[in-house]
Protein backbone atom coordinates (compact mmCIF):
# COMPACT_ATOMS: atom_id res chain seq x y z
CA MET A 1 61.53 132.45 35.95
CA VAL A 2 64.39 131.05 33.86
CA THR A 3 67.83 130.78 35.48
CA THR A 4 71.22 129.94 33.99
CA LYS A 5 74.61 129.73 35.64
CA ALA A 6 78.23 129.76 34.52
CA TYR A 7 81.53 129.50 36.34
CA VAL A 8 84.30 131.49 34.70
CA PRO A 9 87.81 130.44 35.72
CA THR A 10 90.03 133.48 36.37
CA ALA A 11 92.32 134.56 39.17
CA SER A 12 90.92 138.10 38.78
CA GLY A 13 87.26 137.36 39.47
CA ALA A 14 86.95 139.83 42.36
CA LYS A 15 88.57 142.59 40.31
CA TYR A 16 86.29 142.01 37.31
CA LEU A 17 83.24 141.84 39.58
CA GLN A 18 84.08 145.26 41.02
CA GLN A 19 84.70 146.77 37.57
CA LEU A 20 81.48 145.38 36.07
CA CYS A 21 79.30 146.47 38.95
CA LYS A 22 80.77 149.97 39.06
CA HIS A 23 80.35 150.26 35.28
CA TRP A 24 76.67 149.25 35.43
CA ALA A 25 75.96 151.30 38.56
CA HIS A 26 75.89 154.45 36.41
CA LYS A 27 72.57 153.38 34.87
CA LEU A 28 71.27 150.38 36.82
CA GLU A 29 70.49 149.36 40.39
CA VAL A 30 73.54 147.53 41.77
CA GLU A 31 74.33 145.90 45.11
CA LEU A 32 78.06 145.43 45.62
CA SER A 33 80.33 143.93 48.27
CA ASP A 34 83.91 142.70 48.02
CA LEU A 35 83.05 139.29 46.56
CA ARG A 36 79.41 139.58 45.45
CA GLY A 37 77.47 141.80 43.10
CA VAL A 38 73.84 141.92 41.99
CA VAL A 39 72.86 143.93 38.92
CA ARG A 40 69.18 144.59 38.24
CA PHE A 41 68.61 145.09 34.53
CA PRO A 42 65.14 146.15 33.29
CA ASN A 43 64.12 142.54 32.50
CA ALA A 44 66.75 140.41 34.25
CA VAL A 45 68.99 140.06 37.29
CA ALA A 46 72.66 139.08 37.15
CA THR A 47 74.34 137.85 40.32
CA MET A 48 78.11 137.40 40.45
CA GLU A 49 80.20 135.84 43.19
CA ALA A 50 83.98 135.77 43.12
CA ASP A 51 86.36 133.30 44.73
CA PRO A 52 90.13 132.87 44.33
CA LYS A 53 89.70 130.64 41.25
CA GLY A 54 86.93 132.37 39.33
CA LEU A 55 83.62 134.10 39.03
CA ALA A 56 80.23 132.41 39.37
CA VAL A 57 77.57 134.17 37.30
CA THR A 58 73.80 133.61 37.54
CA VAL A 59 71.32 135.23 35.17
CA GLU A 60 67.58 135.19 35.91
CA ALA A 61 64.75 136.46 33.71
CA ALA A 62 61.11 135.76 32.94
CA ASP A 63 61.83 133.94 29.66
CA GLY A 64 64.56 132.03 27.87
CA GLU A 65 65.03 134.63 25.14
CA THR A 66 65.85 137.35 27.68
CA VAL A 67 68.19 135.02 29.59
CA GLU A 68 70.04 134.16 26.38
CA ARG A 69 70.40 137.83 25.43
CA MET A 70 71.63 138.73 28.92
CA GLN A 71 74.17 135.91 28.86
CA GLY A 72 75.69 137.63 25.85
CA VAL A 73 75.61 141.04 27.53
CA VAL A 74 77.35 139.78 30.68
CA ALA A 75 79.94 137.75 28.74
CA ALA A 76 80.75 140.62 26.34
CA HIS A 77 81.21 143.12 29.17
CA LEU A 78 83.30 140.72 31.22
CA ASP A 79 85.53 140.02 28.21
CA ARG A 80 86.06 143.77 27.75
CA PHE A 81 87.35 144.14 31.30
CA ALA A 82 89.32 140.89 31.05
CA PHE A 83 90.85 141.77 27.69
CA ARG A 84 94.23 140.27 28.62
CA GLU A 85 92.69 136.82 29.06
CA ALA A 86 89.62 137.12 26.82
CA PRO A 87 87.67 135.42 25.57
CA LEU A 88 86.83 133.82 28.89
CA PRO A 89 85.02 130.46 28.81
CA PHE A 90 81.33 130.66 29.70
CA ASN A 91 79.68 127.24 29.96
CA TRP A 92 76.11 128.23 30.73
CA SER A 93 73.81 125.62 32.24
CA ALA A 94 70.20 125.69 33.39
């Protein structure tokens, strides 16, 4: 299993977390609470946790190629919801 993490600074992390999870819940399995969301994609899992200063994002998949692709998917969707402050900085690390 390959795992990467990023912390995205934004005062609206909880709002974006809710929007992303509700968006993906139409087609994917999603667990959602006020400050935490887990999205189960076909080949990966994205976990997001919000705090007052930002959004912590973890992406897990079986291989590095899938993790890299899913990083792009998560970042692109988050930037769409955060269009007023996009592009948000994603500094992914293993």
